[in-house]
Amino acid sequence: MKATRQLHDLGQSLWLDNITRELLDDGGLAHYINEYSVTGLTSNPTIFDKAIGSGHAYDPGIHAKVLAGKSGEALFIELALEDLRRAADLFKPVFDATDHVDGWVSMEVSPLLASDTEGSIKAAKDIHQQARRPNLFVKIPGTPEGVPAIEEAIFAGVPVNVTLLFSCAQYQAAAEAWARGIERRIEAGLSPDVASVASLFVSRWDVAVKDKVPAELHNKLGIAVSRQTYRAYRERLASPRWRKLADAGAHPQRLLWASTGTKDPAAPDTLYVETLAAPDTIDTIPEQTLHAFAEHGKVGGVMAPDGGDAEAQLARFTQAGVDLDALATQLQHEGAAAFVKSWQDLLQNIADRGAALARAG
């Protein structure tokens, strides 16, 4: 049995952290679904920037939209949703078979809105309406300004993928926002069945401290933070508050591991995927890592519900001089800034392509 199937069978969903038009056109995504047990996917501005800039698959679509008077963000959102609708349709059987727990795709609001609560709420509602697919998450960053937007989007019935979470505290804030949105829906007599996932970024922790801690601590901080957060997640699922929401018909907000490709060439290329095996979670896995894990990955034990040695490991990093809270805030700021740069590059790339195609007739 493939390692990818073993993860699926222990209760973890594997979602592809990529989308390109070629993957849809050549059957690559369908192959991953059938052969590698992939049951969803995520996108972000960096992924789309690489996809659009790497070939000419998007040129006809860009050209047609330019001729129709589209430009900038509106053109990109149309282009991206064309891909995501096709992917959502491929995952629809999974979505239906799992009672809407799995089989999702994700579309990001503009990263320029990371500090704009009201703008994020409006953008989330607009994308949800424009997508016209029940299994599409709108991604909202779990920044301090994004947290109230998450609550309002959930209350409005918009499924939300909370992105750019780096710490247990940031996860808890996102989970609270989701719970408040669901509780408000129940009070208003609305359905509590509004899906959400909370995406914790893993590998960037280890990149950030690689040159600041002893070698024996390399590639261990992201895993320790993940274990700490998994404990908090399991505690929430065991709480009376959650039981009350479940009894009313809500599905849990699932914990998702993001940024699980190994960045250190000296570490195993399947390190994070193997270590983060845990029931009732999702791993969004880069395409290269998916191939590596399918070929030679191994599923050993599953993550301990109590977080195992997470606190002891985190204490070692504190003793080594790492300010974990400050670093979590820094990583969130840097992640938001990186998405802004990708967004700006993406829109410029589309504008340049559109102009060149218009000149060529």
Protein backbone atom coordinates (compact mmCIF):
# COMPACT_ATOMS: atom_id res chain seq x y z
CA MET A 1 0.00 0.00 0.00
CA LYS A 2 1.33 3.45 -0.92
CA ALA A 3 2.35 5.66 1.97
CA THR A 4 -0.13 8.26 0.73
CA ARG A 5 -2.93 5.75 1.11
CA GLN A 6 -1.73 4.84 4.60
CA LEU A 7 -2.00 8.50 5.64
CA HIS A 8 -5.51 8.64 4.18
CA ASP A 9 -6.51 5.50 6.07
CA LEU A 10 -5.28 6.83 9.44
CA GLY A 11 -7.53 9.86 8.98
CA GLN A 12 -5.28 12.52 7.49
CA SER A 13 -6.24 14.25 4.24
CA LEU A 14 -3.54 14.95 1.66
CA TRP A 15 -4.16 18.13 -0.32
CA LEU A 16 -1.95 19.23 -3.20
CA ASP A 17 -0.27 22.58 -2.55
CA ASN A 18 -0.34 23.57 -6.21
CA ILE A 19 -2.57 24.24 -9.18
CA THR A 20 -1.74 24.88 -12.83
CA ARG A 21 -3.83 24.75 -15.96
CA GLU A 22 -1.51 22.05 -17.29
CA LEU A 23 -2.30 19.83 -14.28
CA LEU A 24 -5.96 20.11 -15.19
CA ASP A 25 -5.54 19.77 -18.95
CA ASP A 26 -3.17 16.77 -18.97
CA GLY A 27 -4.95 14.75 -16.30
CA GLY A 28 -2.21 15.21 -13.71
CA LEU A 29 -4.59 16.22 -10.95
CA ALA A 30 -6.94 13.35 -11.73
CA HIS A 31 -3.92 11.02 -11.52
CA TYR A 32 -3.02 12.33 -8.07
CA ILE A 33 -6.59 11.79 -6.92
CA ASN A 34 -6.72 8.23 -8.21
CA GLU A 35 -3.18 7.09 -7.43
CA TYR A 36 -1.97 9.20 -4.50
CA SER A 37 -5.20 9.61 -2.47
CA VAL A 38 -5.17 13.39 -2.91
CA THR A 39 -8.52 14.75 -1.72
CA GLY A 40 -8.18 18.54 -2.10
CA LEU A 41 -5.84 21.34 -3.05
CA THR A 42 -4.76 24.83 -2.05
CA SER A 43 -3.59 27.81 -4.03
CA ASN A 44 -1.96 31.14 -3.17
CA PRO A 45 -0.57 34.13 -5.09
CA THR A 46 2.91 32.58 -5.29
CA ILE A 47 1.52 29.38 -6.82
CA PHE A 48 -0.49 31.27 -9.44
CA ASP A 49 2.41 33.62 -10.22
CA LYS A 50 4.62 30.61 -10.99
CA ALA A 51 1.86 28.87 -12.94
CA ILE A 52 1.07 31.83 -15.18
CA GLY A 53 4.72 32.78 -15.65
CA SER A 54 6.01 29.30 -16.49
CA GLY A 55 4.43 28.82 -19.92
CA HIS A 56 1.66 29.88 -22.26
CA ALA A 57 -1.29 27.85 -21.00
CA TYR A 58 -3.01 30.97 -19.68
CA ASP A 59 -2.38 33.18 -22.73
CA PRO A 60 -5.71 32.50 -24.49
CA GLY A 61 -7.63 33.25 -21.32
CA ILE A 62 -5.67 36.42 -20.61
CA HIS A 63 -6.09 37.60 -24.20
CA ALA A 64 -9.84 37.00 -24.23
CA LYS A 65 -10.33 38.82 -20.93
CA VAL A 66 -8.23 41.79 -22.03
CA LEU A 67 -10.33 42.05 -25.20
CA ALA A 68 -13.41 41.99 -22.96
CA GLY A 69 -12.08 44.97 -21.02
CA LYS A 70 -10.84 43.11 -17.97
CA SER A 71 -7.61 44.00 -16.18
CA GLY A 72 -5.77 43.76 -12.90
CA GLU A 73 -7.27 41.96 -9.93
CA ALA A 74 -10.63 41.31 -11.61
CA LEU A 75 -8.93 39.58 -14.54
CA PHE A 76 -6.81 37.43 -12.25
CA ILE A 77 -9.72 36.35 -10.06
CA GLU A 78 -11.66 35.24 -13.13
CA LEU A 79 -8.63 33.36 -14.43
CA ALA A 80 -7.94 31.67 -11.09
CA LEU A 81 -11.55 30.71 -10.50
CA GLU A 82 -11.69 29.03 -13.91
CA ASP A 83 -8.98 26.64 -12.69
CA LEU A 84 -10.40 26.25 -9.20
CA ARG A 85 -13.91 25.47 -10.44
CA ARG A 86 -12.50 22.64 -12.55
CA ALA A 87 -10.50 21.34 -9.59
CA ALA A 88 -13.53 21.67 -7.29
CA ASP A 89 -15.57 19.59 -9.72
CA LEU A 90 -12.91 16.85 -9.69
CA PHE A 91 -13.08 16.77 -5.87
CA LYS A 92 -16.88 16.99 -5.71
CA PRO A 93 -17.34 13.18 -5.33
CA VAL A 94 -15.05 13.29 -2.26
CA PHE A 95 -16.89 16.35 -0.96
CA ASP A 96 -20.22 14.55 -1.22
CA ALA A 97 -18.98 11.20 0.12
CA THR A 98 -17.44 12.80 3.24
CA ASP A 99 -20.48 14.95 4.08
CA HIS A 100 -18.54 18.07 3.03
CA VAL A 101 -15.60 17.43 5.37
CA ASP A 102 -13.09 16.83 2.56
CA GLY A 103 -12.76 17.57 -1.15
CA TRP A 104 -12.04 21.31 -0.92
CA VAL A 105 -10.07 23.83 -2.98
CA SER A 106 -8.96 27.28 -1.78
CA MET A 107 -8.75 30.80 -3.22
CA GLU A 108 -6.96 33.67 -1.48
CA VAL A 109 -8.33 37.15 -0.91
CA SER A 110 -5.93 39.88 -2.04
CA PRO A 111 -2.87 39.92 0.25
CA LEU A 112 -3.11 43.70 0.11
CA LEU A 113 -6.07 43.31 2.50
CA ALA A 114 -4.11 41.57 5.27
CA SER A 115 -4.47 44.68 7.47
CA ASP A 116 -7.95 45.63 6.23
CA THR A 117 -10.74 43.91 8.15
CA GLU A 118 -13.69 45.37 6.25
CA GLY A 119 -11.99 44.92 2.89
CA SER A 120 -11.26 41.26 3.69
CA ILE A 121 -14.88 40.60 4.64
CA LYS A 122 -16.17 42.11 1.39
CA ALA A 123 -13.57 40.31 -0.75
CA ALA A 124 -14.36 36.96 0.91
CA LYS A 125 -18.08 37.36 0.24
CA ASP A 126 -17.42 38.42 -3.37
CA ILE A 127 -15.11 35.49 -4.13
CA HIS A 128 -17.52 33.02 -2.52
CA GLN A 129 -20.38 34.32 -4.64
CA GLN A 130 -18.32 34.48 -7.84
CA ALA A 131 -16.88 30.97 -7.38
CA ARG A 132 -20.28 29.25 -7.50
CA ARG A 133 -18.86 26.08 -5.96
CA PRO A 134 -19.86 24.75 -2.53
CA ASN A 135 -16.43 23.19 -1.96
CA LEU A 136 -14.29 26.32 -2.33
CA PHE A 137 -12.67 27.87 0.72
CA VAL A 138 -11.81 31.55 0.77
CA LYS A 139 -8.41 32.07 2.37
CA ILE A 140 -8.18 34.87 4.95
CA PRO A 141 -4.92 35.44 6.86
CA GLY A 142 -4.99 34.93 10.62
CA THR A 143 -3.43 38.34 11.26
CA PRO A 144 -4.84 40.48 14.09
CA GLU A 145 -6.89 42.36 11.48
CA GLY A 146 -7.89 39.13 9.78
CA VAL A 147 -9.33 37.49 12.90
CA PRO A 148 -12.52 39.62 13.01
CA ALA A 149 -12.87 39.16 9.24
CA ILE A 150 -12.80 35.39 9.78
CA GLU A 151 -15.62 35.61 12.32
CA GLU A 152 -17.74 37.82 10.06
CA ALA A 153 -17.13 35.67 6.98
CA ILE A 154 -18.15 32.53 8.89
CA PHE A 155 -21.25 34.29 10.22
CA ALA A 156 -22.08 35.26 6.62
CA GLY A 157 -21.85 31.60 5.58
CA VAL A 158 -18.52 31.83 3.72
CA PRO A 159 -16.27 28.74 4.17
CA VAL A 160 -12.85 29.97 5.33
CA ASN A 161 -9.33 28.60 5.11
CA VAL A 162 -7.42 30.59 7.73
CA THR A 163 -3.92 31.06 6.38
CA LEU A 164 -0.60 32.40 7.71
CA LEU A 165 -0.84 30.87 11.18
CA PHE A 166 2.52 30.15 12.77
CA SER A 167 1.94 29.54 16.47
CA CYS A 168 -0.44 27.82 18.84
CA ALA A 169 -1.63 31.24 20.06
CA GLN A 170 -2.37 32.39 16.50
CA TYR A 171 -4.23 29.11 15.89
CA GLN A 172 -6.28 29.59 19.05
CA ALA A 173 -7.29 33.09 17.95
CA ALA A 174 -8.43 31.75 14.57
CA ALA A 175 -10.30 28.87 16.20
CA GLU A 176 -12.05 31.29 18.56
CA ALA A 177 -13.09 33.49 15.62
CA TRP A 178 -14.58 30.49 13.82
CA ALA A 179 -16.40 29.31 16.95
CA ARG A 180 -17.86 32.78 17.59
CA GLY A 181 -19.09 32.96 14.01
CA ILE A 182 -20.79 29.56 14.33
CA GLU A 183 -22.32 30.45 17.71
CA ARG A 184 -23.72 33.66 16.25
CA ARG A 185 -25.26 31.68 13.40
CA ILE A 186 -26.95 29.33 15.86
CA GLU A 187 -28.30 32.29 17.84
CA ALA A 188 -29.65 33.79 14.62
CA GLY A 189 -31.38 30.55 13.65
CA LEU A 190 -28.96 29.87 10.78
CA SER A 191 -27.26 26.59 9.87
CA PRO A 192 -24.04 26.02 11.84
CA ASP A 193 -22.61 23.93 9.03
CA VAL A 194 -20.03 26.42 7.70
CA ALA A 195 -16.72 24.70 7.04
CA SER A 196 -13.29 26.00 7.96
CA VAL A 197 -9.68 24.87 8.23
CA ALA A 198 -6.85 26.52 10.18
CA SER A 199 -3.51 26.39 8.34
CA LEU A 200 -0.36 26.24 10.48
CA PHE A 201 2.86 26.92 8.56
CA VAL A 202 5.63 24.56 9.63
CA SER A 203 8.94 24.66 7.78
CA ARG A 204 9.49 28.43 7.93
CA TRP A 205 10.21 28.13 11.65
CA ASP A 206 13.22 25.95 10.93
CA VAL A 207 14.51 28.17 8.15
CA ALA A 208 14.31 31.18 10.49
CA VAL A 209 16.39 29.64 13.30
CA LYS A 210 18.81 27.47 11.33
CA ASP A 211 21.78 29.78 11.91
CA LYS A 212 20.77 30.70 15.48
CA VAL A 213 20.57 27.35 17.27
CA PRO A 214 22.88 24.32 17.72
CA ALA A 215 22.88 21.69 15.00
CA GLU A 216 21.04 19.19 17.19
CA LEU A 217 18.02 21.54 17.15
CA HIS A 218 17.90 21.95 13.38
CA ASN A 219 14.56 21.07 11.75
CA LYS A 220 12.85 20.47 15.11
CA LEU A 221 11.15 23.77 15.92
CA GLY A 222 8.38 23.59 13.31
CA ILE A 223 7.50 20.08 14.47
CA ALA A 224 7.47 21.11 18.14
CA VAL A 225 5.14 24.04 17.40
CA SER A 226 2.92 21.69 15.39
CA ARG A 227 2.72 19.19 18.26
CA GLN A 228 1.87 21.95 20.71
CA THR A 229 -0.87 23.18 18.38
CA TYR A 230 -2.20 19.66 17.81
CA ARG A 231 -2.63 19.28 21.56
CA ALA A 232 -4.67 22.51 21.65
CA TYR A 233 -6.71 21.27 18.69
CA ARG A 234 -7.52 17.95 20.37
CA GLU A 235 -8.43 19.76 23.59
CA ARG A 236 -10.87 21.98 21.68
CA LEU A 237 -12.48 18.92 20.09
CA ALA A 238 -12.93 17.38 23.55
CA SER A 239 -14.42 20.54 25.10
CA PRO A 240 -18.08 20.99 26.16
CA ARG A 241 -18.19 24.10 23.99
CA TRP A 242 -17.37 22.08 20.89
CA ARG A 243 -19.82 19.31 21.86
CA LYS A 244 -22.59 21.89 22.00
CA LEU A 245 -21.73 23.11 18.48
CA ALA A 246 -21.50 19.53 17.20
CA ASP A 247 -24.91 18.70 18.68
CA ALA A 248 -26.31 21.69 16.79
CA GLY A 249 -24.93 20.28 13.51
CA ALA A 250 -21.53 21.94 13.09
CA HIS A 251 -18.48 20.23 11.63
CA PRO A 252 -15.16 20.94 13.36
CA GLN A 253 -12.69 23.44 12.03
CA ARG A 254 -9.90 21.11 10.93
CA LEU A 255 -6.22 21.73 11.61
CA LEU A 256 -4.10 21.89 8.46
CA TRP A 257 -0.32 21.59 8.14
CA ALA A 258 1.04 24.04 5.56
CA SER A 259 4.56 24.60 4.24
CA THR A 260 5.51 20.93 4.67
CA GLY A 261 8.19 20.71 1.99
CA THR A 262 11.67 20.23 3.47
CA LYS A 263 13.80 23.36 2.95
CA ASP A 264 17.07 21.94 4.35
CA PRO A 265 18.87 19.79 1.75
CA ALA A 266 20.59 17.93 4.60
CA ALA A 267 17.24 16.72 5.98
CA PRO A 268 15.02 13.94 4.58
CA ASP A 269 12.73 15.22 1.83
CA THR A 270 9.72 13.63 3.55
CA LEU A 271 10.58 14.80 7.08
CA TYR A 272 7.52 16.91 7.82
CA VAL A 273 5.00 14.67 6.09
CA GLU A 274 6.14 11.62 8.06
CA THR A 275 6.38 13.46 11.38
CA LEU A 276 3.04 15.25 11.08
CA ALA A 277 0.93 12.13 10.51
CA ALA A 278 -2.12 12.78 12.67
CA PRO A 279 -5.81 11.83 12.52
CA ASP A 280 -8.37 14.54 11.76
CA THR A 281 -5.82 16.83 10.13
CA ILE A 282 -4.85 17.87 6.61
CA ASP A 283 -1.39 18.09 5.06
CA THR A 284 -1.07 20.42 2.09
CA ILE A 285 1.87 18.91 0.30
CA PRO A 286 4.01 20.44 -2.48
CA GLU A 287 4.06 18.45 -5.70
CA GLN A 288 7.73 17.46 -5.42
CA THR A 289 7.22 16.29 -1.83
CA LEU A 290 4.10 14.35 -2.85
CA HIS A 291 6.14 12.37 -5.39
CA ALA A 292 8.92 11.77 -2.87
CA PHE A 293 6.53 10.58 -0.19
CA ALA A 294 4.65 8.29 -2.59
CA GLU A 295 7.95 6.77 -3.73
CA HIS A 296 9.85 6.26 -0.48
CA GLY A 297 7.87 7.78 2.40
CA LYS A 298 7.07 5.79 5.51
CA VAL A 299 4.22 6.16 7.96
CA GLY A 300 5.39 5.23 11.44
CA GLY A 301 3.48 6.28 14.51
CA VAL A 302 0.88 9.01 14.69
CA MET A 303 1.22 12.26 16.57
CA ALA A 304 0.38 12.03 20.28
CA PRO A 305 -2.87 13.85 21.14
CA ASP A 306 -1.13 15.44 24.13
CA GLY A 307 1.65 16.88 21.96
CA GLY A 308 4.28 14.46 23.22
CA ASP A 309 7.57 16.23 23.97
CA ALA A 310 6.50 19.54 22.43
CA GLU A 311 6.88 21.66 25.56
CA ALA A 312 10.28 20.22 26.41
CA GLN A 313 11.51 20.84 22.88
CA LEU A 314 10.17 24.42 22.85
CA ALA A 315 11.94 25.03 26.17
CA ARG A 316 15.23 24.02 24.53
CA PHE A 317 14.75 26.69 21.88
CA THR A 318 13.93 29.29 24.51
CA GLN A 319 17.10 28.34 26.37
CA ALA A 320 19.01 28.76 23.09
CA GLY A 321 17.81 32.37 22.95
CA VAL A 322 14.84 32.10 20.59
CA ASP A 323 11.93 34.40 21.47
CA LEU A 324 9.14 32.18 20.20
CA ASP A 325 6.33 34.73 20.46
CA ALA A 326 8.31 37.44 18.72
CA LEU A 327 9.41 35.04 16.01
CA ALA A 328 5.80 33.90 15.40
CA THR A 329 4.79 37.54 14.85
CA GLN A 330 7.80 38.11 12.60
CA LEU A 331 7.03 35.03 10.50
CA GLN A 332 3.42 36.12 10.06
CA HIS A 333 4.53 39.60 8.94
CA GLU A 334 7.11 38.12 6.56
CA GLY A 335 4.59 35.63 5.17
CA ALA A 336 2.08 38.40 4.49
CA ALA A 337 4.78 40.53 2.84
CA ALA A 338 5.90 37.63 0.64
CA PHE A 339 2.33 37.12 -0.59
CA VAL A 340 2.02 40.85 -1.31
CA LYS A 341 5.16 40.68 -3.46
CA SER A 342 3.88 37.60 -5.30
CA TRP A 343 0.52 39.34 -5.81
CA GLN A 344 2.15 42.44 -7.27
CA ASP A 345 4.45 40.34 -9.48
CA LEU A 346 1.46 38.29 -10.58
CA LEU A 347 -0.64 41.28 -11.61
CA GLN A 348 2.33 42.82 -13.41
CA ASN A 349 2.99 39.55 -15.21
CA ILE A 350 -0.64 39.37 -16.34
CA ALA A 351 -0.60 43.00 -17.46
CA ASP A 352 2.60 42.45 -19.49
CA ARG A 353 1.22 39.26 -21.04
CA GLY A 354 -2.08 40.96 -21.87
CA ALA A 355 -0.34 43.90 -23.54
CA ALA A 356 1.96 41.64 -25.58
CA LEU A 357 -0.94 39.45 -26.72
CA ALA A 358 -3.00 42.50 -27.66
CA ARG A 359 -0.12 43.86 -29.77
CA ALA A 360 0.26 40.50 -31.48
CA GLY A 361 -3.42 40.51 -32.36
